[in-house]
Amino acid sequence: LESECERVAAQLRETRSRARCLASRAAEKFREVWIANEEEAGALIREALEAERLIRVQQLGTPREEPLPRVAGDAGPPGGGRREKRDAPQVAAELLEGAARELPGI
């Protein structure tokens, strides 16, 4: 029974190790696909903005305001960057502080 327990414990450790490796590879692949899609979307947006500029200037004869530039460093999937770990009470306190700022009198 003891040797069986040791064998199962070893299998569990191996399975956990494989699961971590698989999750890591899946997360990296997700990030690569996200960034590729984001780059493609950016190219399409630039093309649409150029078409809009041409229509506005050449066809309508009106001046065109440049759109606001994207904030640097916002590329990548949500939660894809390094994030500090926080505990639940800390997150709850931050959410309550934010709600208190939005609603006067609380």
Protein backbone atom coordinates (compact mmCIF):
# COMPACT_ATOMS: atom_id res chain seq x y z
CA LEU A 1 0.00 0.00 0.00
CA GLU A 2 2.88 2.36 0.80
CA SER A 3 4.59 1.73 -2.53
CA GLU A 4 1.28 2.24 -4.34
CA CYS A 5 0.82 5.55 -2.54
CA GLU A 6 4.34 6.66 -3.51
CA ARG A 7 3.70 5.67 -7.13
CA VAL A 8 0.45 7.66 -7.25
CA ALA A 9 2.13 10.66 -5.58
CA ALA A 10 4.91 10.54 -8.22
CA GLN A 11 2.30 10.39 -10.98
CA LEU A 12 0.51 13.38 -9.46
CA ARG A 13 3.74 15.41 -9.37
CA GLU A 14 4.46 14.49 -13.00
CA THR A 15 0.92 15.40 -14.07
CA ARG A 16 1.13 18.76 -12.29
CA SER A 17 4.47 19.46 -13.94
CA ARG A 18 3.07 18.66 -17.38
CA ALA A 19 -0.04 20.77 -16.71
CA ARG A 20 2.12 23.79 -15.76
CA CYS A 21 4.22 23.35 -18.89
CA LEU A 22 1.12 23.03 -21.08
CA ALA A 23 -0.51 26.08 -19.50
CA SER A 24 2.66 28.09 -20.02
CA ARG A 25 2.87 27.14 -23.69
CA ALA A 26 -0.85 27.82 -24.21
CA ALA A 27 -0.56 31.26 -22.60
CA GLU A 28 2.43 32.14 -24.78
CA LYS A 29 0.64 30.99 -27.94
CA PHE A 30 -2.46 32.99 -26.93
CA ARG A 31 -0.30 36.09 -26.47
CA GLU A 32 1.37 35.61 -29.87
CA VAL A 33 -1.99 35.23 -31.64
CA TRP A 34 -3.44 38.22 -29.76
CA ILE A 35 -0.53 40.45 -30.76
CA ALA A 36 -0.70 39.31 -34.41
CA ASN A 37 -4.44 40.06 -34.48
CA GLU A 38 -3.85 43.40 -32.79
CA GLU A 39 -1.26 44.35 -35.43
CA GLU A 40 -3.65 43.35 -38.23
CA ALA A 41 -6.47 45.33 -36.63
CA GLY A 42 -4.15 48.34 -36.30
CA ALA A 43 -3.33 48.18 -40.00
CA LEU A 44 -7.04 48.02 -40.88
CA ILE A 45 -7.79 50.95 -38.58
CA ARG A 46 -5.03 53.04 -40.18
CA GLU A 47 -6.44 52.19 -43.64
CA ALA A 48 -9.97 53.17 -42.57
CA LEU A 49 -8.72 56.45 -41.05
CA GLU A 50 -6.86 57.28 -44.26
CA ALA A 51 -10.01 56.60 -46.30
CA GLU A 52 -12.02 58.77 -43.91
CA ARG A 53 -9.45 61.55 -44.24
CA LEU A 54 -9.59 61.41 -48.04
CA ILE A 55 -13.39 61.53 -48.08
CA ARG A 56 -13.51 64.39 -45.61
CA VAL A 57 -10.83 66.50 -47.31
CA GLN A 58 -11.36 65.73 -51.00
CA GLN A 59 -15.09 65.09 -51.21
CA LEU A 60 -16.54 67.21 -48.41
CA GLY A 61 -13.87 69.90 -48.35
CA THR A 62 -13.87 70.04 -44.56
CA PRO A 63 -10.82 70.05 -42.33
CA ARG A 64 -10.08 66.88 -40.46
CA GLU A 65 -8.96 66.64 -36.85
CA GLU A 66 -6.38 63.97 -36.19
CA PRO A 67 -7.62 61.22 -33.86
CA LEU A 68 -5.99 60.88 -30.48
CA PRO A 69 -2.92 58.63 -30.60
CA ARG A 70 -2.99 55.29 -28.80
CA VAL A 71 -1.40 55.20 -25.41
CA ALA A 72 2.01 53.57 -25.62
CA GLY A 73 2.33 50.27 -23.83
CA ASP A 74 -1.30 49.17 -24.08
CA ALA A 75 -0.57 46.43 -26.60
CA GLY A 76 -1.15 42.84 -25.72
CA PRO A 77 -3.92 40.80 -24.23
CA PRO A 78 -5.66 41.87 -21.08
CA GLY A 79 -3.80 40.60 -18.08
CA GLY A 80 -0.89 39.69 -20.31
CA GLY A 81 1.66 41.83 -18.55
CA ARG A 82 3.30 41.27 -15.23
CA ARG A 83 0.85 41.94 -12.46
CA GLU A 84 1.50 42.08 -8.80
CA LYS A 85 -0.39 39.58 -6.71
CA ARG A 86 -2.85 41.14 -4.32
CA ASP A 87 -5.03 39.55 -1.72
CA ALA A 88 -8.83 39.77 -1.71
CA PRO A 89 -9.14 42.30 1.15
CA GLN A 90 -6.74 44.66 -0.62
CA VAL A 91 -8.71 44.45 -3.89
CA ALA A 92 -12.02 44.92 -2.04
CA ALA A 93 -10.67 47.99 -0.23
CA GLU A 94 -9.52 49.53 -3.54
CA LEU A 95 -12.91 48.88 -5.14
CA LEU A 96 -14.73 50.44 -2.20
CA GLU A 97 -12.45 53.49 -2.27
CA GLY A 98 -13.15 53.91 -5.98
CA ALA A 99 -16.91 53.66 -5.41
CA ALA A 100 -16.72 56.18 -2.57
CA ARG A 101 -14.95 58.67 -4.82
CA GLU A 102 -17.62 58.27 -7.52
CA LEU A 103 -20.59 58.59 -5.14
CA PRO A 104 -20.41 61.65 -2.89
CA GLY A 105 -21.74 61.27 0.61
CA ILE A 106 -20.55 57.69 1.13
